[in-house]
C-alpha atoms as a PDB file:
ATOM      1  CA  UNK A   1      -0.436  23.524  -4.007  1.00  0.00           C
ATOM      2  CA  UNK A   2       0.541  23.670  -0.341  1.00  0.00           C
ATOM      3  CA  UNK A   3      -1.173  22.268   2.695  1.00  0.00           C
ATOM      4  CA  UNK A   4      -1.950  25.830   3.697  1.00  0.00           C
ATOM      5  CA  UNK A   5      -3.960  26.568   0.568  1.00  0.00           C
ATOM      6  CA  UNK A   6      -5.497  23.521  -1.142  1.00  0.00           C
ATOM      7  CA  UNK A   7      -7.603  25.058  -3.896  1.00  0.00           C
ATOM      8  CA  UNK A   8     -10.813  23.090  -4.551  1.00  0.00           C
ATOM      9  CA  UNK A   9     -10.493  21.116  -7.752  1.00  0.00           C
ATOM     10  CA  UNK A  10     -13.006  20.212 -10.413  1.00  0.00           C
ATOM     11  CA  UNK A  11     -13.393  16.785  -8.810  1.00  0.00           C
ATOM     12  CA  UNK A  12     -13.905  18.180  -5.316  1.00  0.00           C
ATOM     13  CA  UNK A  13     -17.527  16.991  -5.191  1.00  0.00           C
ATOM     14  CA  UNK A  14     -16.598  13.420  -6.169  1.00  0.00           C
ATOM     15  CA  UNK A  15     -17.999  10.620  -4.029  1.00  0.00           C
ATOM     16  CA  UNK A  16     -14.605   8.923  -4.163  1.00  0.00           C
ATOM     17  CA  UNK A  17     -11.660  10.712  -2.547  1.00  0.00           C
ATOM     18  CA  UNK A  18      -8.212   9.128  -2.582  1.00  0.00           C
ATOM     19  CA  UNK A  19      -5.552  10.122  -0.055  1.00  0.00           C
ATOM     20  CA  UNK A  20      -2.217   8.818  -1.318  1.00  0.00           C
ATOM     21  CA  UNK A  21       1.473   9.390  -0.762  1.00  0.00           C
ATOM     22  CA  UNK A  22       4.626   7.979   0.749  1.00  0.00           C
ATOM     23  CA  UNK A  23       4.853   6.287   4.113  1.00  0.00           C
ATOM     24  CA  UNK A  24       5.004   8.799   6.934  1.00  0.00           C
ATOM     25  CA  UNK A  25       3.073  11.639   5.306  1.00  0.00           C
ATOM     26  CA  UNK A  26      -0.056  11.360   7.470  1.00  0.00           C
ATOM     27  CA  UNK A  27      -2.456   9.670   5.049  1.00  0.00           C
ATOM     28  CA  UNK A  28      -4.447   7.795   7.709  1.00  0.00           C
ATOM     29  CA  UNK A  29      -4.872  10.876   9.880  1.00  0.00           C
ATOM     30  CA  UNK A  30      -5.985  13.037   6.957  1.00  0.00           C
ATOM     31  CA  UNK A  31      -8.371  10.344   5.734  1.00  0.00           C
ATOM     32  CA  UNK A  32     -10.055  10.230   9.156  1.00  0.00           C
ATOM     33  CA  UNK A  33     -10.184  14.029   9.344  1.00  0.00           C
ATOM     34  CA  UNK A  34     -11.797  14.262   5.897  1.00  0.00           C
ATOM     35  CA  UNK A  35     -14.387  11.629   6.821  1.00  0.00           C
ATOM     36  CA  UNK A  36     -15.198  13.562   9.995  1.00  0.00           C
ATOM     37  CA  UNK A  37     -15.593  16.787   8.020  1.00  0.00           C
ATOM     38  CA  UNK A  38     -17.955  15.058   5.611  1.00  0.00           C
ATOM     39  CA  UNK A  39     -19.947  13.654   8.502  1.00  0.00           C
ATOM     40  CA  UNK A  40     -20.163  17.116  10.075  1.00  0.00           C
ATOM     41  CA  UNK A  41     -21.476  18.426   6.748  1.00  0.00           C
ATOM     42  CA  UNK A  42     -24.247  15.837   6.748  1.00  0.00           C
ATOM     43  CA  UNK A  43     -22.604  13.237   4.462  1.00  0.00           C
ATOM     44  CA  UNK A  44     -21.795   9.711   5.544  1.00  0.00           C
ATOM     45  CA  UNK A  45     -18.253   8.575   4.799  1.00  0.00           C
ATOM     46  CA  UNK A  46     -16.142   5.447   5.177  1.00  0.00           C
ATOM     47  CA  UNK A  47     -12.482   4.590   4.740  1.00  0.00           C
ATOM     48  CA  UNK A  48     -11.353   1.961   2.232  1.00  0.00           C
ATOM     49  CA  UNK A  49      -7.830   0.775   2.999  1.00  0.00           C
ATOM     50  CA  UNK A  50      -5.316   0.638   0.138  1.00  0.00           C
ATOM     51  CA  UNK A  51      -2.259  -0.524   2.079  1.00  0.00           C
ATOM     52  CA  UNK A  52      -1.488  -4.093   1.037  1.00  0.00           C
ATOM     53  CA  UNK A  53       0.017  -5.108   4.384  1.00  0.00           C
ATOM     54  CA  UNK A  54      -2.885  -3.722   6.417  1.00  0.00           C
ATOM     55  CA  UNK A  55      -5.051  -6.379   4.778  1.00  0.00           C
ATOM     56  CA  UNK A  56      -3.486  -8.869   7.200  1.00  0.00           C
ATOM     57  CA  UNK A  57      -4.955  -9.730  10.568  1.00  0.00           C
ATOM     58  CA  UNK A  58      -2.471  -9.222  13.385  1.00  0.00           C
ATOM     59  CA  UNK A  59      -0.043  -7.097  11.366  1.00  0.00           C
ATOM     60  CA  UNK A  60      -0.687  -3.935  13.325  1.00  0.00           C
ATOM     61  CA  UNK A  61       2.447  -2.337  14.758  1.00  0.00           C
ATOM     62  CA  UNK A  62       4.641  -2.732  11.686  1.00  0.00           C
ATOM     63  CA  UNK A  63       1.966  -1.388   9.332  1.00  0.00           C
ATOM     64  CA  UNK A  64       0.965   1.561  11.556  1.00  0.00           C
ATOM     65  CA  UNK A  65      -2.631   0.320  11.404  1.00  0.00           C
ATOM     66  CA  UNK A  66      -4.966   2.665  13.268  1.00  0.00           C
ATOM     67  CA  UNK A  67      -6.316   0.952  16.406  1.00  0.00           C
ATOM     68  CA  UNK A  68     -10.093   0.672  16.591  1.00  0.00           C
ATOM     69  CA  UNK A  69     -10.310   3.330  19.302  1.00  0.00           C
ATOM     70  CA  UNK A  70      -8.528   5.854  17.058  1.00  0.00           C
ATOM     71  CA  UNK A  71     -10.889   5.416  14.099  1.00  0.00           C
ATOM     72  CA  UNK A  72     -13.386   7.813  15.719  1.00  0.00           C
ATOM     73  CA  UNK A  73     -16.399   5.771  14.713  1.00  0.00           C
ATOM     74  CA  UNK A  74     -15.573   5.972  10.988  1.00  0.00           C
ATOM     75  CA  UNK A  75     -16.222   2.599   9.277  1.00  0.00           C
ATOM     76  CA  UNK A  76     -13.102   1.019   7.767  1.00  0.00           C
ATOM     77  CA  UNK A  77     -13.068  -1.537   4.966  1.00  0.00           C
ATOM     78  CA  UNK A  78     -10.312  -3.845   3.669  1.00  0.00           C
ATOM     79  CA  UNK A  79      -8.576  -4.077   7.028  1.00  0.00           C
ATOM     80  CA  UNK A  80      -7.857  -7.456   8.638  1.00  0.00           C
ATOM     81  CA  UNK A  81      -9.331  -9.515   5.802  1.00  0.00           C
ATOM     82  CA  UNK A  82      -6.435 -11.957   5.262  1.00  0.00           C
ATOM     83  CA  UNK A  83      -4.509 -14.450   7.374  1.00  0.00           C
ATOM     84  CA  UNK A  84      -0.724 -14.178   7.249  1.00  0.00           C
ATOM     85  CA  UNK A  85      -0.594 -17.469   5.364  1.00  0.00           C
ATOM     86  CA  UNK A  86      -2.734 -16.016   2.562  1.00  0.00           C
ATOM     87  CA  UNK A  87      -1.164 -14.463  -0.513  1.00  0.00           C
ATOM     88  CA  UNK A  88      -2.303 -10.913  -1.177  1.00  0.00           C
ATOM     89  CA  UNK A  89      -3.679 -10.503  -4.690  1.00  0.00           C
ATOM     90  CA  UNK A  90      -4.193  -7.101  -6.259  1.00  0.00           C
ATOM     91  CA  UNK A  91      -6.764  -8.644  -8.615  1.00  0.00           C
ATOM     92  CA  UNK A  92      -8.847  -9.943  -5.702  1.00  0.00           C
ATOM     93  CA  UNK A  93      -8.374  -6.680  -3.842  1.00  0.00           C
ATOM     94  CA  UNK A  94      -9.610  -4.696  -6.844  1.00  0.00           C
ATOM     95  CA  UNK A  95     -12.893  -6.608  -6.872  1.00  0.00           C
ATOM     96  CA  UNK A  96     -13.427  -6.379  -3.104  1.00  0.00           C
ATOM     97  CA  UNK A  97     -12.407  -2.730  -2.695  1.00  0.00           C
ATOM     98  CA  UNK A  98     -14.503  -1.546  -5.637  1.00  0.00           C
ATOM     99  CA  UNK A  99     -17.483  -3.402  -4.197  1.00  0.00           C
ATOM    100  CA  UNK A 100     -16.954  -1.505  -0.930  1.00  0.00           C
ATOM    101  CA  UNK A 101     -16.801   1.805  -2.813  1.00  0.00           C
ATOM    102  CA  UNK A 102     -20.004   0.990  -4.681  1.00  0.00           C
ATOM    103  CA  UNK A 103     -21.852   0.060  -1.478  1.00  0.00           C
ATOM    104  CA  UNK A 104     -20.718   3.237   0.274  1.00  0.00           C
ATOM    105  CA  UNK A 105     -21.815   5.382  -2.672  1.00  0.00           C
ATOM    106  CA  UNK A 106     -25.105   3.510  -3.080  1.00  0.00           C
ATOM    107  CA  UNK A 107     -25.914   4.438   0.529  1.00  0.00           C
ATOM    108  CA  UNK A 108     -25.321   8.105  -0.307  1.00  0.00           C
ATOM    109  CA  UNK A 109     -21.870   8.253   1.262  1.00  0.00           C
ATOM    110  CA  UNK A 110     -18.354   9.216   0.223  1.00  0.00           C
ATOM    111  CA  UNK A 111     -15.644   6.557  -0.020  1.00  0.00           C
ATOM    112  CA  UNK A 112     -12.240   7.749   1.185  1.00  0.00           C
ATOM    113  CA  UNK A 113      -9.543   5.507  -0.288  1.00  0.00           C
ATOM    114  CA  UNK A 114      -6.410   5.721   1.878  1.00  0.00           C
ATOM    115  CA  UNK A 115      -3.072   4.059   1.293  1.00  0.00           C
ATOM    116  CA  UNK A 116       0.365   4.050  -0.202  1.00  0.00           C
ATOM    117  CA  UNK A 117       0.485   0.733  -2.098  1.00  0.00           C
ATOM    118  CA  UNK A 118       0.622   2.221  -5.584  1.00  0.00           C
ATOM    119  CA  UNK A 119      -0.722  -0.682  -7.599  1.00  0.00           C
ATOM    120  CA  UNK A 120      -3.537  -1.296  -5.115  1.00  0.00           C
ATOM    121  CA  UNK A 121      -4.583   2.366  -5.218  1.00  0.00           C
ATOM    122  CA  UNK A 122      -4.435   2.366  -9.007  1.00  0.00           C
ATOM    123  CA  UNK A 123      -6.425  -0.867  -9.193  1.00  0.00           C
ATOM    124  CA  UNK A 124      -9.359   0.979  -7.653  1.00  0.00           C
ATOM    125  CA  UNK A 125      -8.993   4.352  -9.354  1.00  0.00           C
ATOM    126  CA  UNK A 126      -8.150   3.284 -12.900  1.00  0.00           C
ATOM    127  CA  UNK A 127      -9.185   0.696 -15.467  1.00  0.00           C
ATOM    128  CA  UNK A 128      -6.391  -1.807 -14.933  1.00  0.00           C
ATOM    129  CA  UNK A 129      -6.809  -5.464 -15.860  1.00  0.00           C
ATOM    130  CA  UNK A 130      -5.018  -8.210 -13.955  1.00  0.00           C
ATOM    131  CA  UNK A 131      -4.377 -11.794 -14.987  1.00  0.00           C
ATOM    132  CA  UNK A 132      -5.609 -14.743 -13.047  1.00  0.00           C
ATOM    133  CA  UNK A 133      -3.288 -17.325 -11.581  1.00  0.00           C
ATOM    134  CA  UNK A 134      -2.280 -20.702 -12.941  1.00  0.00           C
ATOM    135  CA  UNK A 135      -1.517 -22.939  -9.931  1.00  0.00           C
ATOM    136  CA  UNK A 136       0.062 -25.689 -12.044  1.00  0.00           C
ATOM    137  CA  UNK A 137       2.368 -23.282 -13.880  1.00  0.00           C
ATOM    138  CA  UNK A 138       3.163 -21.483 -10.624  1.00  0.00           C
ATOM    139  CA  UNK A 139       4.134 -24.724  -8.884  1.00  0.00           C
ATOM    140  CA  UNK A 140       6.377 -25.737 -11.780  1.00  0.00           C
ATOM    141  CA  UNK A 141       8.137 -22.357 -11.777  1.00  0.00           C
ATOM    142  CA  UNK A 142       8.620 -22.508  -8.015  1.00  0.00           C
ATOM    143  CA  UNK A 143      10.208 -25.932  -8.340  1.00  0.00           C
ATOM    144  CA  UNK A 144      12.498 -24.720 -11.127  1.00  0.00           C
ATOM    145  CA  UNK A 145      13.512 -21.729  -9.023  1.00  0.00           C
ATOM    146  CA  UNK A 146      14.367 -23.977  -6.074  1.00  0.00           C
ATOM    147  CA  UNK A 147      16.336 -26.412  -8.228  1.00  0.00           C
ATOM    148  CA  UNK A 148      17.972 -24.108 -10.787  1.00  0.00           C
ATOM    149  CA  UNK A 149      18.034 -20.702  -9.142  1.00  0.00           C
ATOM    150  CA  UNK A 150      16.742 -17.328 -10.377  1.00  0.00           C
ATOM    151  CA  UNK A 151      19.166 -16.926 -13.299  1.00  0.00           C
ATOM    152  CA  UNK A 152      17.423 -19.406 -15.580  1.00  0.00           C
ATOM    153  CA  UNK A 153      14.007 -17.905 -14.867  1.00  0.00           C
ATOM    154  CA  UNK A 154      15.285 -14.378 -15.458  1.00  0.00           C
ATOM    155  CA  UNK A 155      16.726 -15.349 -18.847  1.00  0.00           C
ATOM    156  CA  UNK A 156      13.398 -16.885 -19.830  1.00  0.00           C
ATOM    157  CA  UNK A 157      11.585 -13.731 -18.714  1.00  0.00           C
ATOM    158  CA  UNK A 158      13.948 -11.603 -20.827  1.00  0.00           C
ATOM    159  CA  UNK A 159      12.997 -13.642 -23.876  1.00  0.00           C
ATOM    160  CA  UNK A 160       9.248 -13.362 -23.188  1.00  0.00           C
ATOM    161  CA  UNK A 161       8.967  -9.848 -21.769  1.00  0.00           C
ATOM    162  CA  UNK A 162      12.171  -7.747 -21.917  1.00  0.00           C
ATOM    163  CA  UNK A 163      10.477  -4.736 -20.328  1.00  0.00           C
ATOM    164  CA  UNK A 164       9.375  -6.732 -17.293  1.00  0.00           C
ATOM    165  CA  UNK A 165      12.799  -8.367 -17.000  1.00  0.00           C
ATOM    166  CA  UNK A 166      14.492  -4.963 -17.004  1.00  0.00           C
ATOM    167  CA  UNK A 167      12.556  -3.802 -13.955  1.00  0.00           C
ATOM    168  CA  UNK A 168      12.084  -6.997 -11.932  1.00  0.00           C
ATOM    169  CA  UNK A 169      14.013  -7.594  -8.721  1.00  0.00           C
ATOM    170  CA  UNK A 170      15.448 -11.047  -9.411  1.00  0.00           C
ATOM    171  CA  UNK A 171      16.269 -11.376  -5.701  1.00  0.00           C
ATOM    172  CA  UNK A 172      12.546 -11.481  -4.964  1.00  0.00           C
ATOM    173  CA  UNK A 173      11.436 -15.011  -5.922  1.00  0.00           C
ATOM    174  CA  UNK A 174       7.725 -14.289  -5.570  1.00  0.00           C
ATOM    175  CA  UNK A 175       7.817 -11.342  -7.976  1.00  0.00           C
ATOM    176  CA  UNK A 176      10.126 -13.064 -10.441  1.00  0.00           C
ATOM    177  CA  UNK A 177       7.921 -16.162 -10.565  1.00  0.00           C
ATOM    178  CA  UNK A 178       4.756 -14.071 -10.870  1.00  0.00           C
ATOM    179  CA  UNK A 179       6.250 -12.007 -13.714  1.00  0.00           C
ATOM    180  CA  UNK A 180       7.239 -15.162 -15.574  1.00  0.00           C
ATOM    181  CA  UNK A 181       3.823 -16.710 -14.945  1.00  0.00           C
ATOM    182  CA  UNK A 182       2.166 -13.654 -16.511  1.00  0.00           C
ATOM    183  CA  UNK A 183       4.607 -13.513 -19.418  1.00  0.00           C
ATOM    184  CA  UNK A 184       4.064 -17.207 -20.138  1.00  0.00           C
ATOM    185  CA  UNK A 185       0.343 -16.712 -20.669  1.00  0.00           C
ATOM    186  CA  UNK A 186      -1.388 -15.224 -23.670  1.00  0.00           C
ATOM    187  CA  UNK A 187      -3.860 -12.702 -22.240  1.00  0.00           C
ATOM    188  CA  UNK A 188      -3.141  -9.009 -22.617  1.00  0.00           C
ATOM    189  CA  UNK A 189      -2.867  -7.328 -19.215  1.00  0.00           C
ATOM    190  CA  UNK A 190      -1.814  -4.014 -17.700  1.00  0.00           C
ATOM    191  CA  UNK A 191      -0.140  -4.876 -14.374  1.00  0.00           C
ATOM    192  CA  UNK A 192       1.459  -1.430 -14.092  1.00  0.00           C
ATOM    193  CA  UNK A 193       0.170   2.111 -14.388  1.00  0.00           C
ATOM    194  CA  UNK A 194      -0.119   3.112 -18.076  1.00  0.00           C
ATOM    195  CA  UNK A 195       0.983   6.529 -19.284  1.00  0.00           C
ATOM    196  CA  UNK A 196      -2.584   7.839 -19.601  1.00  0.00           C
ATOM    197  CA  UNK A 197      -4.779   5.717 -17.314  1.00  0.00           C
ATOM    198  CA  UNK A 198      -8.547   5.862 -17.752  1.00  0.00           C
ATOM    199  CA  UNK A 199     -10.505   6.579 -14.590  1.00  0.00           C
ATOM    200  CA  UNK A 200     -12.824   3.867 -13.239  1.00  0.00           C
ATOM    201  CA  UNK A 201     -15.224   6.575 -11.993  1.00  0.00           C
ATOM    202  CA  UNK A 202     -14.955  10.251 -10.947  1.00  0.00           C
ATOM    203  CA  UNK A 203     -12.580  10.803  -8.051  1.00  0.00           C
ATOM    204  CA  UNK A 204     -10.587  13.457  -6.285  1.00  0.00           C
ATOM    205  CA  UNK A 205      -6.966  12.453  -5.640  1.00  0.00           C
ATOM    206  CA  UNK A 206      -4.974  14.116  -2.863  1.00  0.00           C
ATOM    207  CA  UNK A 207      -1.241  13.401  -3.034  1.00  0.00           C
ATOM    208  CA  UNK A 208       0.573  14.172   0.228  1.00  0.00           C
ATOM    209  CA  UNK A 209       4.268  15.001   0.146  1.00  0.00           C
ATOM    210  CA  UNK A 210       6.901  15.959   2.686  1.00  0.00           C
ATOM    211  CA  UNK A 211      10.357  17.335   1.966  1.00  0.00           C
ATOM    212  CA  UNK A 212      12.957  14.586   1.946  1.00  0.00           C
ATOM    213  CA  UNK A 213      15.006  16.359   4.629  1.00  0.00           C
ATOM    214  CA  UNK A 214      12.086  15.922   7.019  1.00  0.00           C
ATOM    215  CA  UNK A 215      10.713  12.613   5.743  1.00  0.00           C
ATOM    216  CA  UNK A 216      13.903  10.517   5.884  1.00  0.00           C
ATOM    217  CA  UNK A 217      14.696  11.038   9.584  1.00  0.00           C
ATOM    218  CA  UNK A 218      10.994  10.621  10.391  1.00  0.00           C
ATOM    219  CA  UNK A 219      11.014   7.196   8.710  1.00  0.00           C
ATOM    220  CA  UNK A 220      13.991   6.044  10.752  1.00  0.00           C
ATOM    221  CA  UNK A 221      12.334   7.339  13.929  1.00  0.00           C
ATOM    222  CA  UNK A 222       9.195   5.461  12.912  1.00  0.00           C
ATOM    223  CA  UNK A 223      11.180   2.212  12.603  1.00  0.00           C
ATOM    224  CA  UNK A 224      12.652   2.696  16.073  1.00  0.00           C
ATOM    225  CA  UNK A 225       9.200   3.391  17.555  1.00  0.00           C
ATOM    226  CA  UNK A 226       7.751   0.232  16.038  1.00  0.00           C
ATOM    227  CA  UNK A 227      10.407  -2.013  17.538  1.00  0.00           C
ATOM    228  CA  UNK A 228      10.118  -0.188  20.866  1.00  0.00           C
ATOM    229  CA  UNK A 229       6.336  -0.727  20.745  1.00  0.00           C
ATOM    230  CA  UNK A 230       6.743  -4.502  20.567  1.00  0.00           C
ATOM    231  CA  UNK A 231       7.109  -5.389  16.879  1.00  0.00           C
ATOM    232  CA  UNK A 232       9.325  -8.404  17.647  1.00  0.00           C
ATOM    233  CA  UNK A 233       6.689  -9.779  20.024  1.00  0.00           C
ATOM    234  CA  UNK A 234       3.975  -9.189  17.428  1.00  0.00           C
ATOM    235  CA  UNK A 235       6.020 -11.075  14.839  1.00  0.00           C
ATOM    236  CA  UNK A 236       6.701 -13.910  17.282  1.00  0.00           C
ATOM    237  CA  UNK A 237       2.954 -14.368  17.723  1.00  0.00           C
ATOM    238  CA  UNK A 238       2.392 -14.214  13.975  1.00  0.00           C
ATOM    239  CA  UNK A 239       5.151 -16.751  13.398  1.00  0.00           C
ATOM    240  CA  UNK A 240       3.163 -19.174  15.536  1.00  0.00           C
ATOM    241  CA  UNK A 241       0.236 -18.535  13.160  1.00  0.00           C
ATOM    242  CA  UNK A 242       2.295 -19.360  10.061  1.00  0.00           C
ATOM    243  CA  UNK A 243       3.918 -16.042   9.111  1.00  0.00           C
ATOM    244  CA  UNK A 244       7.034 -17.722   7.743  1.00  0.00           C
ATOM    245  CA  UNK A 245       4.884 -19.796   5.378  1.00  0.00           C
ATOM    246  CA  UNK A 246       3.101 -16.719   3.991  1.00  0.00           C
ATOM    247  CA  UNK A 247       4.401 -15.681   0.596  1.00  0.00           C
ATOM    248  CA  UNK A 248       3.489 -12.016   0.930  1.00  0.00           C
ATOM    249  CA  UNK A 249       3.232 -11.212   4.630  1.00  0.00           C
ATOM    250  CA  UNK A 250       6.641 -12.556   5.641  1.00  0.00           C
ATOM    251  CA  UNK A 251       8.374 -10.102   3.280  1.00  0.00           C
ATOM    252  CA  UNK A 252       6.721  -6.972   4.698  1.00  0.00           C
ATOM    253  CA  UNK A 253       9.115  -4.241   5.773  1.00  0.00           C
ATOM    254  CA  UNK A 254       9.806  -4.570   9.472  1.00  0.00           C
ATOM    255  CA  UNK A 255       8.407  -8.083   9.634  1.00  0.00           C
ATOM    256  CA  UNK A 256      11.225  -9.723   7.698  1.00  0.00           C
ATOM    257  CA  UNK A 257      13.733  -7.832   9.858  1.00  0.00           C
ATOM    258  CA  UNK A 258      11.951  -8.885  13.059  1.00  0.00           C
ATOM    259  CA  UNK A 259      12.020 -12.507  11.883  1.00  0.00           C
ATOM    260  CA  UNK A 260      15.808 -12.197  11.614  1.00  0.00           C
ATOM    261  CA  UNK A 261      15.924 -11.003  15.228  1.00  0.00           C
ATOM    262  CA  UNK A 262      13.892 -14.019  16.297  1.00  0.00           C
ATOM    263  CA  UNK A 263      16.184 -16.286  14.280  1.00  0.00           C
ATOM    264  CA  UNK A 264      19.221 -14.822  16.033  1.00  0.00           C
ATOM    265  CA  UNK A 265      20.791 -13.535  12.810  1.00  0.00           C
ATOM    266  CA  UNK A 266      20.250  -9.863  13.645  1.00  0.00           C
ATOM    267  CA  UNK A 267      20.197  -7.640  16.695  1.00  0.00           C
ATOM    268  CA  UNK A 268      17.290  -5.296  17.366  1.00  0.00           C
ATOM    269  CA  UNK A 269      19.508  -2.289  16.596  1.00  0.00           C
ATOM    270  CA  UNK A 270      20.510  -3.836  13.264  1.00  0.00           C
ATOM    271  CA  UNK A 271      16.872  -4.628  12.493  1.00  0.00           C
ATOM    272  CA  UNK A 272      15.815  -1.050  13.255  1.00  0.00           C
ATOM    273  CA  UNK A 273      18.485   0.311  10.926  1.00  0.00           C
ATOM    274  CA  UNK A 274      17.628  -2.185   8.160  1.00  0.00           C
ATOM    275  CA  UNK A 275      13.923  -1.366   8.505  1.00  0.00           C
ATOM    276  CA  UNK A 276      14.624   2.355   8.265  1.00  0.00           C
ATOM    277  CA  UNK A 277      16.714   1.888   5.132  1.00  0.00           C
ATOM    278  CA  UNK A 278      14.105  -0.384   3.509  1.00  0.00           C
ATOM    279  CA  UNK A 279      11.311   2.056   4.364  1.00  0.00           C
ATOM    280  CA  UNK A 280      13.270   4.947   2.873  1.00  0.00           C
ATOM    281  CA  UNK A 281      13.753   3.036  -0.379  1.00  0.00           C
ATOM    282  CA  UNK A 282      10.085   2.091  -0.448  1.00  0.00           C
ATOM    283  CA  UNK A 283       9.051   5.701   0.124  1.00  0.00           C
ATOM    284  CA  UNK A 284      11.177   6.743  -2.829  1.00  0.00           C
ATOM    285  CA  UNK A 285       9.326   4.257  -5.043  1.00  0.00           C
ATOM    286  CA  UNK A 286       5.989   5.530  -3.717  1.00  0.00           C
ATOM    287  CA  UNK A 287       6.906   9.123  -4.553  1.00  0.00           C
ATOM    288  CA  UNK A 288       7.842   8.067  -8.080  1.00  0.00           C
ATOM    289  CA  UNK A 289       4.600   6.123  -8.522  1.00  0.00           C
ATOM    290  CA  UNK A 290       2.194   8.801  -7.313  1.00  0.00           C
ATOM    291  CA  UNK A 291       4.022  11.556  -9.177  1.00  0.00           C
ATOM    292  CA  UNK A 292       2.532  10.039 -12.338  1.00  0.00           C
ATOM    293  CA  UNK A 293      -1.016  10.825 -11.191  1.00  0.00           C
ATOM    294  CA  UNK A 294      -1.516  13.776 -13.520  1.00  0.00           C
ATOM    295  CA  UNK A 295      -4.859  14.845 -12.027  1.00  0.00           C
ATOM    296  CA  UNK A 296      -3.801  14.639  -8.384  1.00  0.00           C
ATOM    297  CA  UNK A 297      -3.771  17.666  -6.109  1.00  0.00           C
ATOM    298  CA  UNK A 298      -0.356  17.787  -4.442  1.00  0.00           C
ATOM    299  CA  UNK A 299      -0.561  18.831  -0.805  1.00  0.00           C
ATOM    300  CA  UNK A 300       2.748  19.743   0.847  1.00  0.00           C
ATOM    301  CA  UNK A 301       2.528  18.654   4.473  1.00  0.00           C
ATOM    302  CA  UNK A 302       6.153  19.490   5.291  1.00  0.00           C
ATOM    303  CA  UNK A 303       6.224  20.834   8.824  1.00  0.00           C
ATOM    304  CA  UNK A 304       2.633  19.829   9.527  1.00  0.00           C
ATOM    305  CA  UNK A 305       1.867  17.621  12.500  1.00  0.00           C
ATOM    306  CA  UNK A 306       0.687  14.327  10.938  1.00  0.00           C
ATOM    307  CA  UNK A 307      -1.466  13.749  14.003  1.00  0.00           C
ATOM    308  CA  UNK A 308      -3.444  16.970  13.573  1.00  0.00           C
ATOM    309  CA  UNK A 309      -4.446  17.570   9.969  1.00  0.00           C
ATOM    310  CA  UNK A 310      -7.921  18.795  10.834  1.00  0.00           C
ATOM    311  CA  UNK A 311      -7.240  22.287   9.466  1.00  0.00           C
ATOM    312  CA  UNK A 312      -6.153  20.845   6.121  1.00  0.00           C
ATOM    313  CA  UNK A 313      -9.267  18.656   6.073  1.00  0.00           C
ATOM    314  CA  UNK A 314     -11.421  21.740   6.727  1.00  0.00           C
ATOM    315  CA  UNK A 315      -9.944  23.412   3.656  1.00  0.00           C
ATOM    316  CA  UNK A 316     -10.494  20.284   1.554  1.00  0.00           C
ATOM    317  CA  UNK A 317     -14.079  19.849   2.759  1.00  0.00           C
ATOM    318  CA  UNK A 318     -15.318  23.417   3.517  1.00  0.00           C
END
């Protein structure tokens, strides 16, 4: 299916529409355009954010968060709900975002779920269960990591959950510790997308894609624009609010690189390049994740202007 001819699908009348895809494919713009089309057709609509880093207050430039004046009067949910010192939790997000969807639908509206954080999107769309946290166990694992390093924890994870150990990035302490925390507990969970996920409720999933030859340079240009727009200053202000103490926020793409600039260990040019490379790798993981959505309608937006997807929205919502 191309952007020029999105054929209406069986789920086209669903009161939950998900707009997903890699960074830089125009998800936010299409989500707004769809909501406007619904409103023009006499239906109320609201956006539910599914970008994990847009949950954070003050993280605007580096997450490409739509400014209030560009939201065109469309209500947005799950934006600016966390402080940078808070740890984002997909389990907590699942509860909050689904409650937003239910309220929107109960009022007769359509919920438009927009984002590229694969597990967060899936947490809303599919029946995924997530374990709770064990603060005592977490603290002990963090202490062991600090004192013994990641190798010991990785070996223990291999013994408890070989599949998780094979895919974990041992250089990411937060994810390694979380994986070991989960593996050390007895409850059965599904923290990743299963082969045949069961839908939470009817939805229409729109998967945006752009050819790699166009997407990759666009991502590097995006990184340069963010730093030119004042990302380092934004991060400096967030550092004063505790960014470096935040487990999740401090590792966001662009933000960790900007922190290195502020620390004097990187130049802005080096940070721009590192951000572009990290974004490209992240986009590749996003493409792989959303490709597994068997019921998604793939919309090729190669060559389309991400800032003007109104024609595509008109075809999606006649």
